[in-house]
Amino acid sequence: MTNPIALKLRQIDDRTEIEIKILHPMEPGDALTQKSGTPRPPSFLQSIVIQLNGRTLVEGQLSASLSKNPIFAFSFSGIKAGDKFAVYCTDNKGGEFKSEIVAQS
């Protein structure tokens, strides 16, 4: 399976921005299927953790109210070439997703 987390780093003046796009249906479970009219089972992200070189910078709880394929962006200062960002997510079905990116000079 392809990793559902896509990461991009951008240098903006003296700050580094990390953009996180997570490919996920974010189905709250209240919509009905067209064919059978039965509710679609819920499938949504529950948590996100962003680490820099193993140290947690951001930790958040998510809910079904987010749009499909959500995008997050955070900006940090003091990032050096070789620093490694890691992003971890979990969903309500027990799925665990991880992606990493290393800052360039």
Protein backbone atom coordinates (compact mmCIF):
# COMPACT_ATOMS: atom_id res chain seq x y z
CA MET A 1 0.00 0.00 0.00
CA THR A 2 1.23 3.51 -0.82
CA ASN A 3 2.04 5.69 2.17
CA PRO A 4 -1.00 7.96 2.68
CA ILE A 5 1.08 10.76 4.26
CA ALA A 6 2.84 13.17 1.88
CA LEU A 7 5.31 15.66 3.38
CA LYS A 8 6.88 18.81 1.94
CA LEU A 9 9.37 21.17 3.55
CA ARG A 10 9.69 24.82 2.49
CA GLN A 11 12.12 27.44 3.69
CA ILE A 12 10.37 30.77 4.29
CA ASP A 13 12.82 33.43 5.52
CA ASP A 14 14.27 32.03 8.78
CA ARG A 15 11.48 29.49 9.27
CA THR A 16 10.84 26.01 7.90
CA GLU A 17 7.27 25.09 7.01
CA ILE A 18 6.17 21.46 6.96
CA GLU A 19 3.09 20.69 4.89
CA ILE A 20 1.33 17.42 5.66
CA LYS A 21 -1.27 15.94 3.30
CA ILE A 22 -2.99 12.80 4.50
CA LEU A 23 -4.93 10.71 1.99
CA HIS A 24 -7.87 9.49 4.05
CA PRO A 25 -11.63 9.30 3.34
CA MET A 26 -12.61 10.97 6.64
CA GLU A 27 -16.06 9.37 6.59
CA PRO A 28 -18.08 10.36 9.71
CA GLY A 29 -20.51 7.46 9.33
CA ASP A 30 -23.67 9.50 8.84
CA ALA A 31 -23.89 9.37 5.02
CA LEU A 32 -25.90 6.67 3.24
CA THR A 33 -24.63 4.61 0.35
CA GLN A 34 -26.43 5.29 -2.94
CA LYS A 35 -27.02 1.64 -3.80
CA SER A 36 -28.34 0.16 -0.57
CA GLY A 37 -29.21 3.23 1.50
CA THR A 38 -27.28 1.85 4.46
CA PRO A 39 -24.92 4.07 6.45
CA ARG A 40 -21.27 4.06 5.40
CA PRO A 41 -19.07 2.87 8.25
CA PRO A 42 -17.10 5.64 9.97
CA SER A 43 -13.45 5.98 8.95
CA PHE A 44 -11.56 9.00 10.24
CA LEU A 45 -8.20 10.09 11.64
CA GLN A 46 -8.02 10.22 15.43
CA SER A 47 -4.54 11.52 16.17
CA ILE A 48 -1.48 13.18 14.69
CA VAL A 49 2.02 13.53 16.16
CA ILE A 50 4.85 15.55 14.62
CA GLN A 51 8.37 14.90 15.86
CA LEU A 52 11.70 16.53 15.11
CA ASN A 53 14.71 14.28 15.67
CA GLY A 54 12.60 12.09 17.98
CA ARG A 55 11.24 14.96 20.09
CA THR A 56 7.48 15.64 19.94
CA LEU A 57 6.67 19.13 18.68
CA VAL A 58 2.93 18.78 18.00
CA GLU A 59 0.39 16.27 19.28
CA GLY A 60 -3.28 16.54 18.40
CA GLN A 61 -6.58 14.70 18.56
CA LEU A 62 -8.64 14.74 15.37
CA SER A 63 -12.26 13.92 14.59
CA ALA A 64 -14.59 12.98 11.76
CA SER A 65 -15.39 16.65 11.18
CA LEU A 66 -12.23 17.14 9.06
CA SER A 67 -12.54 17.14 5.29
CA LYS A 68 -11.43 14.29 3.07
CA ASN A 69 -7.63 14.24 2.52
CA PRO A 70 -6.84 16.93 5.12
CA ILE A 71 -3.81 19.19 4.80
CA PHE A 72 -1.95 20.63 7.78
CA ALA A 73 0.92 23.15 7.79
CA PHE A 74 3.20 24.13 10.67
CA SER A 75 6.12 26.52 10.77
CA PHE A 76 9.23 26.11 12.93
CA SER A 77 12.45 28.04 13.40
CA GLY A 78 15.94 26.70 14.08
CA ILE A 79 15.71 23.77 11.66
CA LYS A 80 19.08 22.67 10.27
CA ALA A 81 20.08 20.51 7.31
CA GLY A 82 19.88 16.86 8.36
CA ASP A 83 17.10 17.38 10.92
CA LYS A 84 14.42 14.71 10.52
CA PHE A 85 10.68 15.30 10.81
CA ALA A 86 8.45 12.28 11.47
CA VAL A 87 4.65 12.36 11.28
CA TYR A 88 2.49 9.66 12.85
CA CYS A 89 -1.29 9.28 12.49
CA THR A 90 -3.85 6.78 13.71
CA ASP A 91 -7.42 6.25 12.62
CA ASN A 92 -10.52 4.86 14.30
CA LYS A 93 -10.09 1.48 12.58
CA GLY A 94 -6.67 0.86 14.16
CA GLY A 95 -4.68 2.02 11.14
CA GLU A 96 -1.27 3.50 11.91
CA PHE A 97 0.56 5.64 9.37
CA LYS A 98 4.06 7.16 9.44
CA SER A 99 6.13 9.32 7.12
CA GLU A 100 9.53 11.00 7.47
CA ILE A 101 11.40 13.78 5.70
CA VAL A 102 14.90 15.17 6.20
CA ALA A 103 15.62 18.89 5.96
CA GLN A 104 18.06 19.87 3.22
CA SER A 105 20.45 22.80 3.23
